[in-house]
Amino acid sequence: MHSKFITAALLGVLASSSALAAGPAAKDSADLAAFKASFSDKNQATVDRLEQSEAQRLCTQDAQRPLKPAQRKQIEQQAAATVRYPADGNYLGDWKEGEKVAQNGRGLQSSDPKGTPAGGNCYACHALDKKEIAFGNIGPSLQQYGKLRGGPTPEILKYTWAKIYNSHAFQACSTMPRFGAAGILTEKQMQDVMALLLAPDSPVNQ
């Protein structure tokens, strides 16, 4: 390990120790400083991820201090304001490319060189194509997503896009990645995933 990182980590530990007598708030702050000092930028994994937005800070505290309804509503409204719909007005791309995005778990990791496109890793949380037997269940099954909703109507197109772009617009402390708002997927990739979910000939809707 590089000496500057060792030094930073040691300083963080010392700061945490000296903060014990100053009370819980000071200790929490020192612990956070020590935690941040143990990380460094590497390829696509950058330390700016350690900086929480106000919504993330509130949601982190939610387990111990549940948010008030007004706070949840504010988070959802702010998230909804971040949604940017397709510039060309076209929501659906190529479902075959969307399946590749859904299967791809690469991206934003320290092993990924800068410029490497990220995947959606959708199967980590959802069932989609019935032929795929490896999938997670953190999120609901998306099998027959479009078929069950009556196809790609204007309302469903807009709702689904916004859900993928920033899920916090619908659930304040959602664990679903903010694929558009966080810049994880490109607009083209999102259009392809939309097609996977909504195109009548997609395996998701068979």
N, C-alpha and C. Protein backbone atom coordinates (compact mmCIF):
# COMPACT_ATOMS: atom_id res chain seq x y z
N MET A 1 0.85 -1.19 0.00
CA MET A 1 0.00 0.00 0.00
C MET A 1 0.88 1.24 0.00
N HIS A 2 0.48 2.28 -0.70
CA HIS A 2 1.26 3.50 -0.79
C HIS A 2 1.34 4.16 0.57
N SER A 3 2.50 4.74 0.89
CA SER A 3 2.72 5.32 2.21
C SER A 3 1.75 6.43 2.55
N LYS A 4 1.33 7.22 1.52
CA LYS A 4 0.43 8.34 1.82
C LYS A 4 -0.93 7.84 2.28
N PHE A 5 -1.34 6.65 1.79
CA PHE A 5 -2.62 6.11 2.20
C PHE A 5 -2.53 5.56 3.62
N ILE A 6 -1.36 4.95 3.95
CA ILE A 6 -1.15 4.46 5.31
C ILE A 6 -1.18 5.62 6.29
N THR A 7 -0.50 6.70 5.92
CA THR A 7 -0.46 7.88 6.78
C THR A 7 -1.85 8.45 6.99
N ALA A 8 -2.61 8.55 5.92
CA ALA A 8 -3.96 9.09 6.01
C ALA A 8 -4.84 8.23 6.89
N ALA A 9 -4.71 6.93 6.74
CA ALA A 9 -5.51 6.02 7.55
C ALA A 9 -5.14 6.12 9.03
N LEU A 10 -3.86 6.22 9.32
CA LEU A 10 -3.41 6.35 10.71
C LEU A 10 -3.90 7.64 11.33
N LEU A 11 -3.85 8.71 10.57
CA LEU A 11 -4.35 9.99 11.07
C LEU A 11 -5.84 9.91 11.37
N GLY A 12 -6.55 9.17 10.52
CA GLY A 12 -7.99 9.00 10.74
C GLY A 12 -8.26 8.24 12.02
N VAL A 13 -7.49 7.18 12.27
CA VAL A 13 -7.66 6.38 13.49
C VAL A 13 -7.35 7.23 14.73
N LEU A 14 -6.28 8.01 14.67
CA LEU A 14 -5.93 8.88 15.79
C LEU A 14 -7.00 9.91 16.05
N ALA A 15 -7.56 10.45 14.98
CA ALA A 15 -8.61 11.44 15.14
C ALA A 15 -9.85 10.82 15.77
N SER A 16 -10.15 9.58 15.36
CA SER A 16 -11.30 8.89 15.92
C SER A 16 -11.10 8.63 17.41
N SER A 17 -9.89 8.24 17.79
CA SER A 17 -9.59 7.95 19.19
C SER A 17 -9.70 9.21 20.05
N SER A 18 -9.17 10.32 19.53
CA SER A 18 -9.20 11.57 20.29
C SER A 18 -10.59 12.14 20.40
N ALA A 19 -11.50 11.69 19.52
CA ALA A 19 -12.87 12.21 19.54
C ALA A 19 -13.76 11.48 20.53
N LEU A 20 -13.28 10.39 21.11
CA LEU A 20 -14.12 9.61 22.01
C LEU A 20 -14.64 10.43 23.18
N ALA A 21 -13.78 11.31 23.69
CA ALA A 21 -14.17 12.11 24.85
C ALA A 21 -15.03 13.31 24.47
N ALA A 22 -15.16 13.57 23.19
CA ALA A 22 -15.89 14.75 22.74
C ALA A 22 -17.36 14.47 22.49
N GLY A 23 -17.79 13.23 22.59
CA GLY A 23 -19.20 12.91 22.41
C GLY A 23 -19.47 12.14 21.13
N PRO A 24 -20.68 11.56 21.01
CA PRO A 24 -21.04 10.72 19.86
C PRO A 24 -20.92 11.43 18.51
N ALA A 25 -21.34 12.69 18.44
CA ALA A 25 -21.31 13.40 17.15
C ALA A 25 -19.88 13.56 16.65
N ALA A 26 -18.97 13.93 17.55
CA ALA A 26 -17.58 14.11 17.17
C ALA A 26 -16.96 12.78 16.76
N LYS A 27 -17.31 11.71 17.48
CA LYS A 27 -16.77 10.39 17.14
C LYS A 27 -17.27 9.94 15.77
N ASP A 28 -18.56 10.16 15.50
CA ASP A 28 -19.11 9.79 14.20
C ASP A 28 -18.37 10.51 13.07
N SER A 29 -18.10 11.78 13.29
CA SER A 29 -17.40 12.57 12.28
C SER A 29 -15.98 12.06 12.07
N ALA A 30 -15.30 11.72 13.17
CA ALA A 30 -13.93 11.20 13.08
C ALA A 30 -13.90 9.83 12.43
N ASP A 31 -14.89 9.00 12.76
CA ASP A 31 -14.96 7.66 12.15
C ASP A 31 -15.16 7.78 10.64
N LEU A 32 -15.99 8.73 10.23
CA LEU A 32 -16.24 8.93 8.81
C LEU A 32 -14.96 9.39 8.11
N ALA A 33 -14.19 10.25 8.78
CA ALA A 33 -12.93 10.73 8.20
C ALA A 33 -11.95 9.58 8.03
N ALA A 34 -11.90 8.69 9.03
CA ALA A 34 -11.01 7.53 8.95
C ALA A 34 -11.44 6.59 7.84
N PHE A 35 -12.75 6.43 7.71
CA PHE A 35 -13.30 5.57 6.66
C PHE A 35 -12.94 6.11 5.28
N LYS A 36 -13.12 7.41 5.08
CA LYS A 36 -12.82 8.02 3.79
C LYS A 36 -11.33 7.95 3.48
N ALA A 37 -10.50 8.06 4.51
CA ALA A 37 -9.05 8.05 4.30
C ALA A 37 -8.54 6.71 3.83
N SER A 38 -9.35 5.66 4.01
CA SER A 38 -8.91 4.32 3.62
C SER A 38 -9.17 4.03 2.15
N PHE A 39 -9.78 4.96 1.42
CA PHE A 39 -10.10 4.77 0.01
C PHE A 39 -9.27 5.69 -0.87
N SER A 40 -9.10 5.30 -2.11
CA SER A 40 -8.44 6.15 -3.10
C SER A 40 -9.04 5.86 -4.47
N ASP A 41 -8.95 6.82 -5.38
CA ASP A 41 -9.48 6.61 -6.73
C ASP A 41 -8.71 5.50 -7.44
N LYS A 42 -9.45 4.66 -8.15
CA LYS A 42 -8.82 3.66 -9.00
C LYS A 42 -9.75 3.36 -10.16
N ASN A 43 -9.29 3.69 -11.36
CA ASN A 43 -10.10 3.51 -12.57
C ASN A 43 -11.48 4.14 -12.38
N GLN A 44 -12.55 3.35 -12.54
CA GLN A 44 -13.89 3.93 -12.45
C GLN A 44 -14.42 4.07 -11.02
N ALA A 45 -13.73 3.51 -10.06
CA ALA A 45 -14.15 3.62 -8.67
C ALA A 45 -13.50 4.85 -8.06
N THR A 46 -14.29 5.88 -7.82
CA THR A 46 -13.75 7.14 -7.31
C THR A 46 -14.35 7.48 -5.94
N VAL A 47 -13.57 8.17 -5.14
CA VAL A 47 -13.97 8.44 -3.76
C VAL A 47 -15.13 9.41 -3.65
N ASP A 48 -15.50 10.08 -4.74
CA ASP A 48 -16.64 11.00 -4.65
C ASP A 48 -17.95 10.26 -4.34
N ARG A 49 -17.94 8.93 -4.50
CA ARG A 49 -19.13 8.14 -4.16
C ARG A 49 -19.39 8.15 -2.66
N LEU A 50 -18.40 8.50 -1.87
CA LEU A 50 -18.57 8.53 -0.42
C LEU A 50 -19.34 9.76 0.03
N GLU A 51 -19.51 10.72 -0.87
CA GLU A 51 -20.25 11.94 -0.53
C GLU A 51 -21.73 11.71 -0.78
N GLN A 52 -22.52 11.78 0.27
CA GLN A 52 -23.95 11.53 0.15
C GLN A 52 -24.72 12.80 -0.18
N SER A 53 -25.77 12.62 -0.98
CA SER A 53 -26.70 13.71 -1.21
C SER A 53 -27.56 13.83 0.05
N GLU A 54 -28.35 14.88 0.15
CA GLU A 54 -29.22 15.05 1.31
C GLU A 54 -30.22 13.89 1.39
N ALA A 55 -30.73 13.46 0.25
CA ALA A 55 -31.68 12.34 0.24
C ALA A 55 -31.01 11.07 0.74
N GLN A 56 -29.78 10.80 0.30
CA GLN A 56 -29.07 9.60 0.75
C GLN A 56 -28.77 9.67 2.24
N ARG A 57 -28.43 10.85 2.73
CA ARG A 57 -28.15 11.01 4.16
C ARG A 57 -29.40 10.70 4.98
N LEU A 58 -30.53 11.21 4.54
CA LEU A 58 -31.77 10.97 5.26
C LEU A 58 -32.16 9.49 5.22
N CYS A 59 -31.96 8.87 4.07
CA CYS A 59 -32.33 7.45 3.94
C CYS A 59 -31.41 6.56 4.75
N THR A 60 -30.15 6.96 4.92
CA THR A 60 -29.22 6.21 5.76
C THR A 60 -29.70 6.22 7.20
N GLN A 61 -30.27 7.34 7.63
CA GLN A 61 -30.74 7.47 9.00
C GLN A 61 -32.11 6.85 9.21
N ASP A 62 -32.79 6.51 8.12
CA ASP A 62 -34.19 6.07 8.19
C ASP A 62 -34.38 4.84 9.07
N ALA A 63 -33.41 3.92 9.09
CA ALA A 63 -33.55 2.69 9.88
C ALA A 63 -33.69 2.99 11.37
N GLN A 64 -33.00 4.02 11.84
CA GLN A 64 -33.05 4.36 13.26
C GLN A 64 -34.01 5.49 13.56
N ARG A 65 -34.10 6.42 12.61
CA ARG A 65 -35.02 7.55 12.78
C ARG A 65 -35.89 7.63 11.54
N PRO A 66 -37.01 6.89 11.53
CA PRO A 66 -37.87 6.84 10.34
C PRO A 66 -38.24 8.22 9.83
N LEU A 67 -38.20 8.36 8.52
CA LEU A 67 -38.53 9.63 7.91
C LEU A 67 -40.01 9.95 8.06
N LYS A 68 -40.30 11.22 8.15
CA LYS A 68 -41.70 11.66 8.20
C LYS A 68 -42.26 11.64 6.78
N PRO A 69 -43.57 11.47 6.65
CA PRO A 69 -44.19 11.46 5.31
C PRO A 69 -43.81 12.67 4.47
N ALA A 70 -43.71 13.81 5.08
CA ALA A 70 -43.36 15.03 4.34
C ALA A 70 -41.93 14.94 3.80
N GLN A 71 -41.03 14.32 4.56
CA GLN A 71 -39.65 14.16 4.11
C GLN A 71 -39.58 13.20 2.92
N ARG A 72 -40.33 12.12 3.00
CA ARG A 72 -40.35 11.15 1.90
C ARG A 72 -40.91 11.81 0.63
N LYS A 73 -41.96 12.58 0.79
CA LYS A 73 -42.57 13.24 -0.36
C LYS A 73 -41.60 14.22 -0.99
N GLN A 74 -40.84 14.94 -0.16
CA GLN A 74 -39.88 15.89 -0.68
C GLN A 74 -38.78 15.19 -1.48
N ILE A 75 -38.28 14.06 -0.96
CA ILE A 75 -37.25 13.30 -1.66
C ILE A 75 -37.77 12.84 -3.02
N GLU A 76 -39.01 12.33 -3.03
CA GLU A 76 -39.60 11.84 -4.27
C GLU A 76 -39.80 12.96 -5.29
N GLN A 77 -40.23 14.12 -4.83
CA GLN A 77 -40.43 15.25 -5.73
C GLN A 77 -39.10 15.74 -6.31
N GLN A 78 -38.08 15.78 -5.47
CA GLN A 78 -36.76 16.21 -5.95
C GLN A 78 -36.19 15.21 -6.95
N ALA A 79 -36.41 13.92 -6.70
CA ALA A 79 -35.93 12.89 -7.62
C ALA A 79 -36.67 12.98 -8.96
N ALA A 80 -37.97 13.19 -8.89
CA ALA A 80 -38.76 13.30 -10.12
C ALA A 80 -38.29 14.46 -10.99
N ALA A 81 -37.82 15.52 -10.35
CA ALA A 81 -37.35 16.68 -11.10
C ALA A 81 -36.05 16.42 -11.85
N THR A 82 -35.34 15.35 -11.49
CA THR A 82 -34.07 15.03 -12.17
C THR A 82 -34.28 14.24 -13.45
N VAL A 83 -35.47 13.67 -13.63
CA VAL A 83 -35.71 12.78 -14.78
C VAL A 83 -35.65 13.55 -16.09
N ARG A 84 -34.85 13.03 -17.01
CA ARG A 84 -34.75 13.60 -18.35
C ARG A 84 -35.22 12.55 -19.35
N TYR A 85 -36.26 12.86 -20.07
CA TYR A 85 -36.84 11.92 -21.01
C TYR A 85 -36.05 11.93 -22.32
N PRO A 86 -36.19 10.90 -23.17
CA PRO A 86 -35.39 10.79 -24.39
C PRO A 86 -35.42 12.07 -25.24
N ALA A 87 -34.26 12.51 -25.65
CA ALA A 87 -34.17 13.74 -26.42
C ALA A 87 -34.93 13.65 -27.74
N ASP A 88 -34.95 12.45 -28.34
CA ASP A 88 -35.62 12.28 -29.62
C ASP A 88 -37.06 11.80 -29.47
N GLY A 89 -37.54 11.68 -28.24
CA GLY A 89 -38.91 11.25 -27.99
C GLY A 89 -39.13 9.77 -28.19
N ASN A 90 -38.07 9.03 -28.51
CA ASN A 90 -38.18 7.59 -28.74
C ASN A 90 -37.78 6.83 -27.48
N TYR A 91 -38.70 6.07 -26.93
CA TYR A 91 -38.44 5.35 -25.69
C TYR A 91 -37.89 3.95 -25.91
N LEU A 92 -38.17 3.37 -27.06
CA LEU A 92 -37.83 1.96 -27.28
C LEU A 92 -36.68 1.79 -28.27
N GLY A 93 -35.68 1.02 -27.84
CA GLY A 93 -34.55 0.71 -28.70
C GLY A 93 -34.64 -0.72 -29.20
N ASP A 94 -33.55 -1.45 -29.03
CA ASP A 94 -33.43 -2.83 -29.50
C ASP A 94 -33.44 -3.76 -28.29
N TRP A 95 -34.46 -4.62 -28.17
CA TRP A 95 -34.53 -5.46 -26.97
C TRP A 95 -33.37 -6.44 -26.89
N LYS A 96 -32.80 -6.83 -28.03
CA LYS A 96 -31.67 -7.75 -28.01
C LYS A 96 -30.46 -7.09 -27.34
N GLU A 97 -30.28 -5.80 -27.62
CA GLU A 97 -29.21 -5.06 -26.96
C GLU A 97 -29.57 -4.83 -25.50
N GLY A 98 -30.85 -4.67 -25.23
CA GLY A 98 -31.30 -4.49 -23.85
C GLY A 98 -31.03 -5.71 -23.00
N GLU A 99 -31.16 -6.89 -23.61
CA GLU A 99 -30.84 -8.12 -22.89
C GLU A 99 -29.37 -8.18 -22.52
N LYS A 100 -28.51 -7.68 -23.41
CA LYS A 100 -27.07 -7.63 -23.11
C LYS A 100 -26.80 -6.70 -21.94
N VAL A 101 -27.48 -5.57 -21.91
CA VAL A 101 -27.32 -4.62 -20.80
C VAL A 101 -27.80 -5.25 -19.50
N ALA A 102 -28.92 -5.96 -19.57
CA ALA A 102 -29.49 -6.60 -18.37
C ALA A 102 -28.57 -7.69 -17.82
N GLN A 103 -27.85 -8.38 -18.71
CA GLN A 103 -26.95 -9.46 -18.29
C GLN A 103 -25.60 -8.94 -17.81
N ASN A 104 -25.25 -7.73 -18.19
CA ASN A 104 -23.91 -7.20 -17.94
C ASN A 104 -23.82 -6.56 -16.55
N GLY A 105 -22.95 -7.13 -15.72
CA GLY A 105 -22.73 -6.59 -14.38
C GLY A 105 -21.47 -5.77 -14.25
N ARG A 106 -20.81 -5.51 -15.38
CA ARG A 106 -19.57 -4.74 -15.34
C ARG A 106 -19.86 -3.24 -15.23
N GLY A 107 -18.82 -2.52 -14.84
CA GLY A 107 -18.92 -1.06 -14.82
C GLY A 107 -18.81 -0.46 -13.44
N LEU A 108 -18.13 0.68 -13.37
CA LEU A 108 -18.00 1.50 -12.16
C LEU A 108 -17.22 0.81 -11.05
N GLN A 109 -16.46 -0.23 -11.40
CA GLN A 109 -15.64 -0.92 -10.42
C GLN A 109 -14.17 -0.54 -10.60
N SER A 110 -13.37 -0.82 -9.59
CA SER A 110 -11.95 -0.46 -9.65
C SER A 110 -11.21 -1.23 -10.73
N SER A 111 -11.78 -2.36 -11.16
CA SER A 111 -11.14 -3.17 -12.20
C SER A 111 -11.55 -2.73 -13.61
N ASP A 112 -12.45 -1.77 -13.72
CA ASP A 112 -12.93 -1.30 -15.02
C ASP A 112 -12.19 -0.04 -15.44
N PRO A 113 -11.43 -0.11 -16.55
CA PRO A 113 -10.74 1.09 -17.04
C PRO A 113 -11.73 2.20 -17.35
N LYS A 114 -11.29 3.43 -17.23
CA LYS A 114 -12.15 4.57 -17.54
C LYS A 114 -12.61 4.49 -19.00
N GLY A 115 -13.87 4.78 -19.21
CA GLY A 115 -14.42 4.71 -20.55
C GLY A 115 -15.14 3.41 -20.85
N THR A 116 -14.99 2.40 -19.97
CA THR A 116 -15.67 1.14 -20.18
C THR A 116 -17.17 1.31 -19.90
N PRO A 117 -18.05 0.98 -20.86
CA PRO A 117 -19.49 1.13 -20.63
C PRO A 117 -19.96 0.25 -19.47
N ALA A 118 -20.86 0.77 -18.67
CA ALA A 118 -21.42 0.01 -17.56
C ALA A 118 -22.60 -0.82 -18.05
N GLY A 119 -22.90 -1.88 -17.32
CA GLY A 119 -24.08 -2.68 -17.60
C GLY A 119 -25.16 -2.36 -16.59
N GLY A 120 -26.34 -2.91 -16.80
CA GLY A 120 -27.43 -2.68 -15.87
C GLY A 120 -27.51 -3.71 -14.76
N ASN A 121 -26.97 -4.92 -15.04
CA ASN A 121 -26.98 -6.02 -14.06
C ASN A 121 -28.40 -6.26 -13.52
N CYS A 122 -29.40 -6.15 -14.41
CA CYS A 122 -30.80 -6.25 -14.00
C CYS A 122 -31.14 -7.61 -13.38
N TYR A 123 -30.49 -8.67 -13.88
CA TYR A 123 -30.79 -10.01 -13.38
C TYR A 123 -30.31 -10.22 -11.94
N ALA A 124 -29.51 -9.34 -11.44
CA ALA A 124 -29.07 -9.46 -10.05
C ALA A 124 -30.24 -9.30 -9.08
N CYS A 125 -31.28 -8.59 -9.54
CA CYS A 125 -32.42 -8.31 -8.67
C CYS A 125 -33.76 -8.77 -9.22
N HIS A 126 -33.85 -9.01 -10.53
CA HIS A 126 -35.14 -9.30 -11.16
C HIS A 126 -35.11 -10.54 -12.04
N ALA A 127 -36.26 -11.19 -12.16
CA ALA A 127 -36.47 -12.22 -13.19
C ALA A 127 -37.00 -11.50 -14.42
N LEU A 128 -36.44 -11.83 -15.60
CA LEU A 128 -36.92 -11.22 -16.84
C LEU A 128 -37.27 -12.30 -17.86
N ASP A 129 -36.29 -12.71 -18.66
CA ASP A 129 -36.51 -13.79 -19.64
C ASP A 129 -36.71 -15.12 -18.90
N LYS A 130 -37.76 -15.85 -19.23
CA LYS A 130 -38.05 -17.12 -18.56
C LYS A 130 -36.96 -18.16 -18.77
N LYS A 131 -36.19 -18.00 -19.84
CA LYS A 131 -35.13 -18.97 -20.13
C LYS A 131 -33.92 -18.77 -19.22
N GLU A 132 -33.81 -17.61 -18.59
CA GLU A 132 -32.68 -17.34 -17.70
C GLU A 132 -33.01 -17.88 -16.31
N ILE A 133 -32.18 -18.82 -15.84
CA ILE A 133 -32.47 -19.45 -14.55
C ILE A 133 -31.70 -18.82 -13.39
N ALA A 134 -30.76 -17.93 -13.70
CA ALA A 134 -29.97 -17.28 -12.65
C ALA A 134 -30.43 -15.83 -12.51
N PHE A 135 -31.10 -15.54 -11.42
CA PHE A 135 -31.56 -14.18 -11.17
C PHE A 135 -31.80 -13.97 -9.69
N GLY A 136 -31.81 -12.72 -9.28
CA GLY A 136 -32.05 -12.39 -7.88
C GLY A 136 -33.52 -12.10 -7.63
N ASN A 137 -33.85 -11.91 -6.37
CA ASN A 137 -35.24 -11.63 -6.02
C ASN A 137 -35.37 -10.44 -5.08
N ILE A 138 -34.36 -9.58 -5.07
CA ILE A 138 -34.45 -8.37 -4.27
C ILE A 138 -35.58 -7.49 -4.80
N GLY A 139 -35.70 -7.46 -6.13
CA GLY A 139 -36.77 -6.71 -6.77
C GLY A 139 -37.84 -7.66 -7.30
N PRO A 140 -38.99 -7.14 -7.69
CA PRO A 140 -40.08 -7.99 -8.20
C PRO A 140 -39.75 -8.61 -9.54
N SER A 141 -40.43 -9.69 -9.87
CA SER A 141 -40.27 -10.29 -11.19
C SER A 141 -40.79 -9.31 -12.24
N LEU A 142 -40.04 -9.22 -13.34
CA LEU A 142 -40.45 -8.35 -14.44
C LEU A 142 -40.93 -9.16 -15.65
N GLN A 143 -41.12 -10.45 -15.46
CA GLN A 143 -41.62 -11.28 -16.55
C GLN A 143 -43.00 -10.81 -16.99
N GLN A 144 -43.18 -10.69 -18.30
CA GLN A 144 -44.42 -10.20 -18.91
C GLN A 144 -44.75 -8.76 -18.46
N TYR A 145 -43.71 -7.98 -18.23
CA TYR A 145 -43.88 -6.61 -17.74
C TYR A 145 -44.79 -5.80 -18.66
N GLY A 146 -44.47 -5.78 -19.95
CA GLY A 146 -45.28 -4.99 -20.88
C GLY A 146 -46.65 -5.58 -21.12
N LYS A 147 -46.72 -6.89 -21.23
CA LYS A 147 -47.98 -7.57 -21.52
C LYS A 147 -48.99 -7.33 -20.41
N LEU A 148 -48.55 -7.41 -19.17
CA LEU A 148 -49.45 -7.21 -18.03
C LEU A 148 -49.93 -5.78 -17.91
N ARG A 149 -49.22 -4.87 -18.51
CA ARG A 149 -49.57 -3.44 -18.42
C ARG A 149 -50.23 -2.91 -19.68
N GLY A 150 -50.59 -3.80 -20.56
CA GLY A 150 -51.31 -3.39 -21.75
C GLY A 150 -50.46 -2.85 -22.86
N GLY A 151 -49.17 -3.15 -22.82
CA GLY A 151 -48.28 -2.71 -23.89
C GLY A 151 -47.67 -1.35 -23.63
N PRO A 152 -46.88 -0.88 -24.59
CA PRO A 152 -46.15 0.39 -24.41
C PRO A 152 -47.03 1.62 -24.67
N THR A 153 -48.00 1.83 -23.80
CA THR A 153 -48.84 3.02 -23.91
C THR A 153 -48.01 4.25 -23.50
N PRO A 154 -48.42 5.44 -23.89
CA PRO A 154 -47.66 6.65 -23.52
C PRO A 154 -47.44 6.76 -22.00
N GLU A 155 -48.46 6.41 -21.23
CA GLU A 155 -48.34 6.50 -19.77
C GLU A 155 -47.32 5.50 -19.22
N ILE A 156 -47.38 4.27 -19.72
CA ILE A 156 -46.46 3.23 -19.25
C ILE A 156 -45.04 3.54 -19.70
N LEU A 157 -44.88 4.06 -20.90
CA LEU A 157 -43.55 4.43 -21.39
C LEU A 157 -42.92 5.47 -20.47
N LYS A 158 -43.68 6.49 -20.15
CA LYS A 158 -43.16 7.58 -19.32
C LYS A 158 -42.86 7.09 -17.90
N TYR A 159 -43.78 6.28 -17.34
CA TYR A 159 -43.59 5.76 -15.99
C TYR A 159 -42.34 4.87 -15.92
N THR A 160 -42.22 3.95 -16.86
CA THR A 160 -41.10 3.00 -16.83
C THR A 160 -39.78 3.71 -17.01
N TRP A 161 -39.75 4.68 -17.91
CA TRP A 161 -38.51 5.44 -18.12
C TRP A 161 -38.10 6.15 -16.83
N ALA A 162 -39.05 6.81 -16.19
CA ALA A 162 -38.75 7.55 -14.96
C ALA A 162 -38.29 6.61 -13.85
N LYS A 163 -38.90 5.42 -13.79
CA LYS A 163 -38.53 4.43 -12.76
C LYS A 163 -37.08 3.99 -12.94
N ILE A 164 -36.68 3.75 -14.18
CA ILE A 164 -35.30 3.34 -14.46
C ILE A 164 -34.35 4.52 -14.24
N TYR A 165 -34.77 5.69 -14.65
CA TYR A 165 -33.91 6.88 -14.57
C TYR A 165 -33.59 7.24 -13.11
N ASN A 166 -34.63 7.30 -12.28
CA ASN A 166 -34.42 7.63 -10.87
C ASN A 166 -35.57 7.04 -10.06
N SER A 167 -35.34 5.85 -9.51
CA SER A 167 -36.39 5.13 -8.79
C SER A 167 -36.84 5.85 -7.53
N HIS A 168 -36.03 6.78 -7.04
CA HIS A 168 -36.39 7.52 -5.83
C HIS A 168 -37.60 8.42 -6.06
N ALA A 169 -37.95 8.64 -7.32
CA ALA A 169 -39.13 9.44 -7.63
C ALA A 169 -40.41 8.74 -7.22
N PHE A 170 -40.34 7.42 -7.03
CA PHE A 170 -41.52 6.64 -6.68
C PHE A 170 -41.44 6.02 -5.29
N GLN A 171 -40.23 5.86 -4.80
CA GLN A 171 -40.02 5.33 -3.44
C GLN A 171 -38.78 6.02 -2.88
N ALA A 172 -38.99 6.85 -1.89
CA ALA A 172 -37.94 7.76 -1.41
C ALA A 172 -36.60 7.06 -1.17
N CYS A 173 -36.62 5.93 -0.51
CA CYS A 173 -35.38 5.25 -0.16
C CYS A 173 -35.23 3.93 -0.91
N SER A 174 -35.61 3.93 -2.16
CA SER A 174 -35.48 2.74 -3.00
C SER A 174 -34.02 2.28 -3.08
N THR A 175 -33.83 0.97 -3.12
CA THR A 175 -32.47 0.41 -3.26
C THR A 175 -32.09 0.22 -4.73
N MET A 176 -33.01 0.51 -5.64
CA MET A 176 -32.72 0.36 -7.07
C MET A 176 -31.77 1.46 -7.52
N PRO A 177 -30.73 1.12 -8.28
CA PRO A 177 -29.79 2.15 -8.76
C PRO A 177 -30.50 3.22 -9.58
N ARG A 178 -29.98 4.43 -9.49
CA ARG A 178 -30.52 5.55 -10.28
C ARG A 178 -29.78 5.56 -11.62
N PHE A 179 -30.21 4.68 -12.52
CA PHE A 179 -29.45 4.41 -13.74
C PHE A 179 -29.23 5.64 -14.61
N GLY A 180 -30.22 6.52 -14.68
CA GLY A 180 -30.05 7.72 -15.48
C GLY A 180 -29.47 8.86 -14.67
N ALA A 181 -30.05 9.13 -13.51
CA ALA A 181 -29.63 10.26 -12.69
C ALA A 181 -28.18 10.14 -12.24
N ALA A 182 -27.72 8.92 -12.00
CA ALA A 182 -26.34 8.70 -11.56
C ALA A 182 -25.39 8.46 -12.73
N GLY A 183 -25.91 8.51 -13.95
CA GLY A 183 -25.05 8.34 -15.12
C GLY A 183 -24.51 6.94 -15.30
N ILE A 184 -25.23 5.94 -14.80
CA ILE A 184 -24.76 4.56 -14.92
C ILE A 184 -24.96 4.05 -16.35
N LEU A 185 -26.14 4.30 -16.90
CA LEU A 185 -26.45 3.88 -18.26
C LEU A 185 -26.61 5.11 -19.16
N THR A 186 -26.29 4.94 -20.43
CA THR A 186 -26.51 6.00 -21.41
C THR A 186 -27.98 6.00 -21.83
N GLU A 187 -28.38 7.05 -22.51
CA GLU A 187 -29.76 7.12 -22.99
C GLU A 187 -30.05 5.95 -23.94
N LYS A 188 -29.09 5.63 -24.81
CA LYS A 188 -29.26 4.52 -25.74
C LYS A 188 -29.45 3.19 -24.98
N GLN A 189 -28.65 2.96 -23.95
CA GLN A 189 -28.78 1.74 -23.17
C GLN A 189 -30.14 1.67 -22.49
N MET A 190 -30.60 2.79 -21.98
CA MET A 190 -31.91 2.82 -21.33
C MET A 190 -33.02 2.52 -22.34
N GLN A 191 -32.90 3.05 -23.54
CA GLN A 191 -33.89 2.75 -24.58
C GLN A 191 -33.92 1.26 -24.90
N ASP A 192 -32.76 0.65 -24.92
CA ASP A 192 -32.69 -0.79 -25.20
C ASP A 192 -33.31 -1.60 -24.06
N VAL A 193 -33.08 -1.20 -22.82
CA VAL A 193 -33.69 -1.89 -21.68
C VAL A 193 -35.20 -1.69 -21.69
N MET A 194 -35.63 -0.51 -22.07
CA MET A 194 -37.07 -0.25 -22.20
C MET A 194 -37.70 -1.21 -23.19
N ALA A 195 -37.01 -1.43 -24.32
CA ALA A 195 -37.53 -2.36 -25.33
C ALA A 195 -37.60 -3.78 -24.78
N LEU A 196 -36.60 -4.15 -23.99
CA LEU A 196 -36.60 -5.48 -23.38
C LEU A 196 -37.84 -5.66 -22.50
N LEU A 197 -38.23 -4.62 -21.80
CA LEU A 197 -39.38 -4.68 -20.88
C LEU A 197 -40.72 -4.57 -21.59
N LEU A 198 -40.75 -3.81 -22.70
CA LEU A 198 -42.04 -3.44 -23.26
C LEU A 198 -42.34 -3.91 -24.68
N ALA A 199 -41.31 -4.23 -25.46
CA ALA A 199 -41.57 -4.65 -26.85
C ALA A 199 -42.36 -5.96 -26.86
N PRO A 200 -43.42 -6.06 -27.67
CA PRO A 200 -44.24 -7.27 -27.71
C PRO A 200 -43.45 -8.53 -28.07
N ASP A 201 -42.40 -8.37 -28.90
CA ASP A 201 -41.63 -9.55 -29.31
C ASP A 201 -40.45 -9.85 -28.40
N SER A 202 -40.30 -9.08 -27.33
CA SER A 202 -39.23 -9.35 -26.36
C SER A 202 -39.54 -10.63 -25.60
N PRO A 203 -38.50 -11.41 -25.24
CA PRO A 203 -38.73 -12.64 -24.47
C PRO A 203 -39.36 -12.37 -23.11
N VAL A 204 -39.24 -11.16 -22.61
CA VAL A 204 -39.87 -10.81 -21.34
C VAL A 204 -41.39 -10.92 -21.44
N ASN A 205 -41.93 -10.64 -22.62
CA ASN A 205 -43.38 -10.61 -22.78
C ASN A 205 -43.96 -11.85 -23.45
N GLN A 206 -43.16 -12.91 -23.53
CA GLN A 206 -43.63 -14.15 -24.14
C GLN A 206 -44.25 -15.08 -23.10
